[in-house]
């Protein structure tokens, strides 16, 4: 049985460390389409269960990652890589 938290071929996985009032988060960011991305998210609130899923704007997802970076929270992908993915240039 495969781990549902593993990134699929069309997803970028980003683990963001806890900080401030936010829990640790794992985002699986889908490929962008029409300025939107599908996001599967786990946090310390639902780590053992199914992800929270949503379709979000590219800018909202980038802003979430940028805020974490500005707060100096550890992330498994750097902002330039996330930006490239959200711009459709990432692999």
N, C-alpha and C. Protein backbone atom coordinates (compact mmCIF):
# COMPACT_ATOMS: atom_id res chain seq x y z
N UNK A 1 0.85 -1.18 0.00
CA UNK A 1 0.00 0.00 0.00
C UNK A 1 0.90 1.25 0.00
N UNK A 2 0.64 2.18 -0.88
CA UNK A 2 1.48 3.37 -0.97
C UNK A 2 1.07 4.41 0.08
N UNK A 3 2.03 5.24 0.44
CA UNK A 3 1.79 6.28 1.43
C UNK A 3 1.04 7.44 0.76
N UNK A 4 -0.14 7.80 1.25
CA UNK A 4 -0.88 8.91 0.63
C UNK A 4 -0.18 10.24 0.77
N UNK A 5 0.82 10.32 1.65
CA UNK A 5 1.56 11.57 1.81
C UNK A 5 2.75 11.67 0.86
N UNK A 6 2.94 10.69 0.01
CA UNK A 6 4.00 10.74 -1.00
C UNK A 6 3.50 11.58 -2.18
N UNK A 7 4.39 12.40 -2.70
CA UNK A 7 4.01 13.25 -3.83
C UNK A 7 3.78 12.41 -5.07
N UNK A 8 2.70 12.71 -5.77
CA UNK A 8 2.44 12.06 -7.04
C UNK A 8 3.31 12.68 -8.13
N UNK A 9 3.25 12.10 -9.31
CA UNK A 9 4.07 12.58 -10.43
C UNK A 9 3.76 14.04 -10.78
N UNK A 10 2.54 14.46 -10.54
CA UNK A 10 2.13 15.83 -10.88
C UNK A 10 1.95 16.70 -9.64
N UNK A 11 2.77 16.44 -8.61
CA UNK A 11 2.69 17.22 -7.38
C UNK A 11 4.09 17.59 -6.90
N UNK A 12 4.18 18.73 -6.25
CA UNK A 12 5.38 19.14 -5.55
C UNK A 12 5.08 19.06 -4.07
N UNK A 13 5.86 18.28 -3.34
CA UNK A 13 5.69 18.17 -1.89
C UNK A 13 6.53 19.21 -1.18
N UNK A 14 5.91 19.91 -0.23
CA UNK A 14 6.62 20.91 0.56
C UNK A 14 6.25 20.70 2.02
N UNK A 15 7.25 20.36 2.83
CA UNK A 15 7.07 20.23 4.27
C UNK A 15 7.49 21.55 4.90
N UNK A 16 6.62 22.13 5.68
CA UNK A 16 6.89 23.42 6.33
C UNK A 16 6.90 23.19 7.84
N UNK A 17 7.99 23.56 8.49
CA UNK A 17 8.12 23.38 9.93
C UNK A 17 7.12 24.26 10.68
N UNK A 18 6.76 23.82 11.86
CA UNK A 18 5.86 24.60 12.72
C UNK A 18 6.53 25.91 13.10
N UNK A 19 5.72 26.90 13.36
CA UNK A 19 6.26 28.19 13.79
C UNK A 19 5.15 29.15 14.12
N UNK A 20 5.43 30.05 15.04
CA UNK A 20 4.40 31.00 15.46
C UNK A 20 3.20 30.25 16.00
N UNK A 21 2.06 30.52 15.44
CA UNK A 21 0.83 29.84 15.87
C UNK A 21 0.40 28.79 14.87
N UNK A 22 1.28 28.41 13.95
CA UNK A 22 0.92 27.46 12.90
C UNK A 22 1.59 26.11 13.14
N UNK A 23 0.88 25.02 12.83
CA UNK A 23 1.46 23.69 13.01
C UNK A 23 2.40 23.35 11.85
N UNK A 24 3.13 22.26 12.02
CA UNK A 24 3.88 21.71 10.90
C UNK A 24 2.88 21.32 9.82
N UNK A 25 3.24 21.54 8.56
CA UNK A 25 2.33 21.26 7.45
C UNK A 25 3.06 20.54 6.34
N UNK A 26 2.35 19.65 5.70
CA UNK A 26 2.85 19.01 4.49
C UNK A 26 1.87 19.35 3.38
N UNK A 27 2.35 20.06 2.36
CA UNK A 27 1.53 20.44 1.21
C UNK A 27 1.94 19.61 0.01
N UNK A 28 0.98 19.05 -0.65
CA UNK A 28 1.19 18.42 -1.95
C UNK A 28 0.49 19.33 -2.95
N UNK A 29 1.30 20.04 -3.72
CA UNK A 29 0.80 21.08 -4.62
C UNK A 29 0.73 20.51 -6.02
N UNK A 30 -0.47 20.48 -6.59
CA UNK A 30 -0.65 19.95 -7.93
C UNK A 30 -0.13 20.90 -8.99
N UNK A 31 -0.11 20.42 -10.21
CA UNK A 31 0.30 21.27 -11.35
C UNK A 31 -0.74 22.37 -11.55
N UNK A 32 -0.28 23.57 -11.86
CA UNK A 32 -1.21 24.67 -12.06
C UNK A 32 -2.04 24.51 -13.34
N UNK A 33 -3.28 24.95 -13.25
CA UNK A 33 -4.17 24.98 -14.42
C UNK A 33 -5.14 26.15 -14.24
N UNK A 34 -5.13 27.05 -15.18
CA UNK A 34 -6.05 28.19 -15.17
C UNK A 34 -5.91 29.01 -13.88
N UNK A 35 -4.65 29.26 -13.47
CA UNK A 35 -4.31 30.08 -12.31
C UNK A 35 -4.74 29.46 -10.98
N UNK A 36 -5.00 28.16 -10.97
CA UNK A 36 -5.41 27.45 -9.75
C UNK A 36 -4.53 26.21 -9.58
N UNK A 37 -4.42 25.75 -8.36
CA UNK A 37 -3.72 24.50 -8.07
C UNK A 37 -4.54 23.70 -7.07
N UNK A 38 -4.46 22.38 -7.20
CA UNK A 38 -5.09 21.50 -6.22
C UNK A 38 -4.06 21.24 -5.13
N UNK A 39 -4.47 21.41 -3.88
CA UNK A 39 -3.57 21.23 -2.74
C UNK A 39 -4.14 20.15 -1.83
N UNK A 40 -3.29 19.18 -1.49
CA UNK A 40 -3.61 18.22 -0.43
C UNK A 40 -2.73 18.61 0.75
N UNK A 41 -3.32 18.75 1.93
CA UNK A 41 -2.56 19.23 3.08
C UNK A 41 -2.80 18.37 4.32
N UNK A 42 -1.68 18.05 4.96
CA UNK A 42 -1.72 17.42 6.27
C UNK A 42 -1.03 18.36 7.23
N UNK A 43 -1.43 18.29 8.50
CA UNK A 43 -0.76 19.04 9.55
C UNK A 43 -0.77 18.19 10.81
N UNK A 44 -0.25 18.73 11.87
CA UNK A 44 -0.26 17.99 13.12
C UNK A 44 -1.68 17.72 13.59
N UNK A 45 -2.66 18.38 13.00
CA UNK A 45 -4.06 18.17 13.37
C UNK A 45 -4.68 16.95 12.69
N UNK A 46 -4.14 16.54 11.54
CA UNK A 46 -4.74 15.41 10.80
C UNK A 46 -3.69 14.48 10.21
N UNK A 47 -2.52 14.42 10.81
CA UNK A 47 -1.40 13.68 10.23
C UNK A 47 -1.75 12.23 9.91
N UNK A 48 -2.50 11.57 10.75
CA UNK A 48 -2.80 10.15 10.56
C UNK A 48 -4.03 9.91 9.69
N UNK A 49 -4.72 10.96 9.32
CA UNK A 49 -5.95 10.79 8.56
C UNK A 49 -5.82 11.28 7.13
N UNK A 50 -6.96 11.44 6.49
CA UNK A 50 -6.95 11.93 5.11
C UNK A 50 -6.57 13.42 5.07
N UNK A 51 -6.06 13.86 3.94
CA UNK A 51 -5.66 15.27 3.84
C UNK A 51 -6.87 16.19 3.73
N UNK A 52 -6.63 17.44 4.09
CA UNK A 52 -7.57 18.49 3.72
C UNK A 52 -7.26 18.80 2.27
N UNK A 53 -8.26 18.85 1.42
CA UNK A 53 -8.05 19.12 0.00
C UNK A 53 -8.80 20.37 -0.40
N UNK A 54 -8.15 21.12 -1.29
CA UNK A 54 -8.79 22.35 -1.78
C UNK A 54 -8.16 22.75 -3.11
N UNK A 55 -8.88 23.52 -3.86
CA UNK A 55 -8.35 24.19 -5.05
C UNK A 55 -8.12 25.63 -4.63
N UNK A 56 -6.92 26.11 -4.86
CA UNK A 56 -6.55 27.44 -4.38
C UNK A 56 -5.89 28.21 -5.51
N UNK A 57 -5.83 29.51 -5.35
CA UNK A 57 -5.14 30.31 -6.37
C UNK A 57 -3.64 30.11 -6.22
N UNK A 58 -2.94 30.25 -7.33
CA UNK A 58 -1.49 30.14 -7.33
C UNK A 58 -0.90 31.15 -6.35
N UNK A 59 -1.40 32.35 -6.37
CA UNK A 59 -0.84 33.40 -5.50
C UNK A 59 -1.08 33.11 -4.03
N UNK A 60 -2.21 32.52 -3.67
CA UNK A 60 -2.48 32.19 -2.27
C UNK A 60 -1.51 31.13 -1.77
N UNK A 61 -1.23 30.13 -2.60
CA UNK A 61 -0.29 29.08 -2.21
C UNK A 61 1.11 29.66 -2.10
N UNK A 62 1.51 30.49 -3.05
CA UNK A 62 2.84 31.09 -2.98
C UNK A 62 2.95 31.99 -1.74
N UNK A 63 1.91 32.76 -1.45
CA UNK A 63 1.93 33.65 -0.28
C UNK A 63 2.08 32.85 1.02
N UNK A 64 1.44 31.71 1.11
CA UNK A 64 1.58 30.86 2.29
C UNK A 64 3.04 30.42 2.45
N UNK A 65 3.65 29.98 1.37
CA UNK A 65 5.05 29.54 1.41
C UNK A 65 5.99 30.71 1.66
N UNK A 66 5.72 31.84 1.05
CA UNK A 66 6.56 33.02 1.24
C UNK A 66 6.52 33.49 2.69
N UNK A 67 5.34 33.47 3.29
CA UNK A 67 5.21 33.86 4.69
C UNK A 67 6.03 32.94 5.58
N UNK A 68 5.96 31.63 5.34
CA UNK A 68 6.74 30.67 6.12
C UNK A 68 8.23 30.95 5.95
N UNK A 69 8.66 31.24 4.74
CA UNK A 69 10.07 31.54 4.48
C UNK A 69 10.49 32.82 5.20
N UNK A 70 9.66 33.83 5.15
CA UNK A 70 9.96 35.09 5.82
C UNK A 70 10.04 34.93 7.33
N UNK A 71 9.30 33.95 7.86
CA UNK A 71 9.34 33.64 9.29
C UNK A 71 10.51 32.72 9.63
N UNK A 72 11.33 32.41 8.61
CA UNK A 72 12.51 31.56 8.75
C UNK A 72 12.16 30.14 9.22
N UNK A 73 11.00 29.68 8.78
CA UNK A 73 10.61 28.31 9.06
C UNK A 73 11.27 27.40 8.03
N UNK A 74 11.74 26.24 8.45
CA UNK A 74 12.36 25.30 7.52
C UNK A 74 11.32 24.80 6.53
N UNK A 75 11.77 24.69 5.27
CA UNK A 75 10.91 24.17 4.21
C UNK A 75 11.75 23.23 3.35
N UNK A 76 11.12 22.18 2.84
CA UNK A 76 11.88 21.22 2.04
C UNK A 76 12.03 21.65 0.58
N UNK A 77 11.45 22.74 0.20
CA UNK A 77 11.64 23.31 -1.14
C UNK A 77 11.85 24.82 -0.97
N UNK A 78 12.80 25.35 -1.70
CA UNK A 78 13.10 26.78 -1.64
C UNK A 78 12.06 27.56 -2.45
N UNK A 79 11.91 28.83 -2.11
CA UNK A 79 10.92 29.67 -2.81
C UNK A 79 11.10 29.70 -4.33
N UNK A 80 12.34 29.78 -4.86
CA UNK A 80 12.47 29.79 -6.33
C UNK A 80 11.92 28.50 -6.96
N UNK A 81 12.12 27.38 -6.30
CA UNK A 81 11.58 26.10 -6.81
C UNK A 81 10.05 26.10 -6.77
N UNK A 82 9.49 26.61 -5.68
CA UNK A 82 8.03 26.68 -5.55
C UNK A 82 7.47 27.62 -6.61
N UNK A 83 8.12 28.77 -6.80
CA UNK A 83 7.65 29.74 -7.81
C UNK A 83 7.69 29.11 -9.19
N UNK A 84 8.78 28.41 -9.51
CA UNK A 84 8.90 27.78 -10.82
C UNK A 84 7.78 26.74 -11.01
N UNK A 85 7.51 25.96 -9.98
CA UNK A 85 6.43 24.96 -10.06
C UNK A 85 5.09 25.65 -10.33
N UNK A 86 4.82 26.69 -9.57
CA UNK A 86 3.53 27.38 -9.70
C UNK A 86 3.42 28.14 -11.02
N UNK A 87 4.56 28.47 -11.63
CA UNK A 87 4.56 29.11 -12.94
C UNK A 87 4.51 28.10 -14.07
N UNK A 88 4.48 26.80 -13.71
CA UNK A 88 4.41 25.75 -14.71
C UNK A 88 5.76 25.37 -15.31
N UNK A 89 6.86 25.82 -14.67
CA UNK A 89 8.19 25.52 -15.17
C UNK A 89 8.88 24.42 -14.39
N UNK A 90 8.28 23.98 -13.30
CA UNK A 90 8.93 23.02 -12.42
C UNK A 90 8.69 21.59 -12.82
N UNK A 91 9.57 20.75 -12.36
CA UNK A 91 9.45 19.30 -12.53
C UNK A 91 9.68 18.64 -11.24
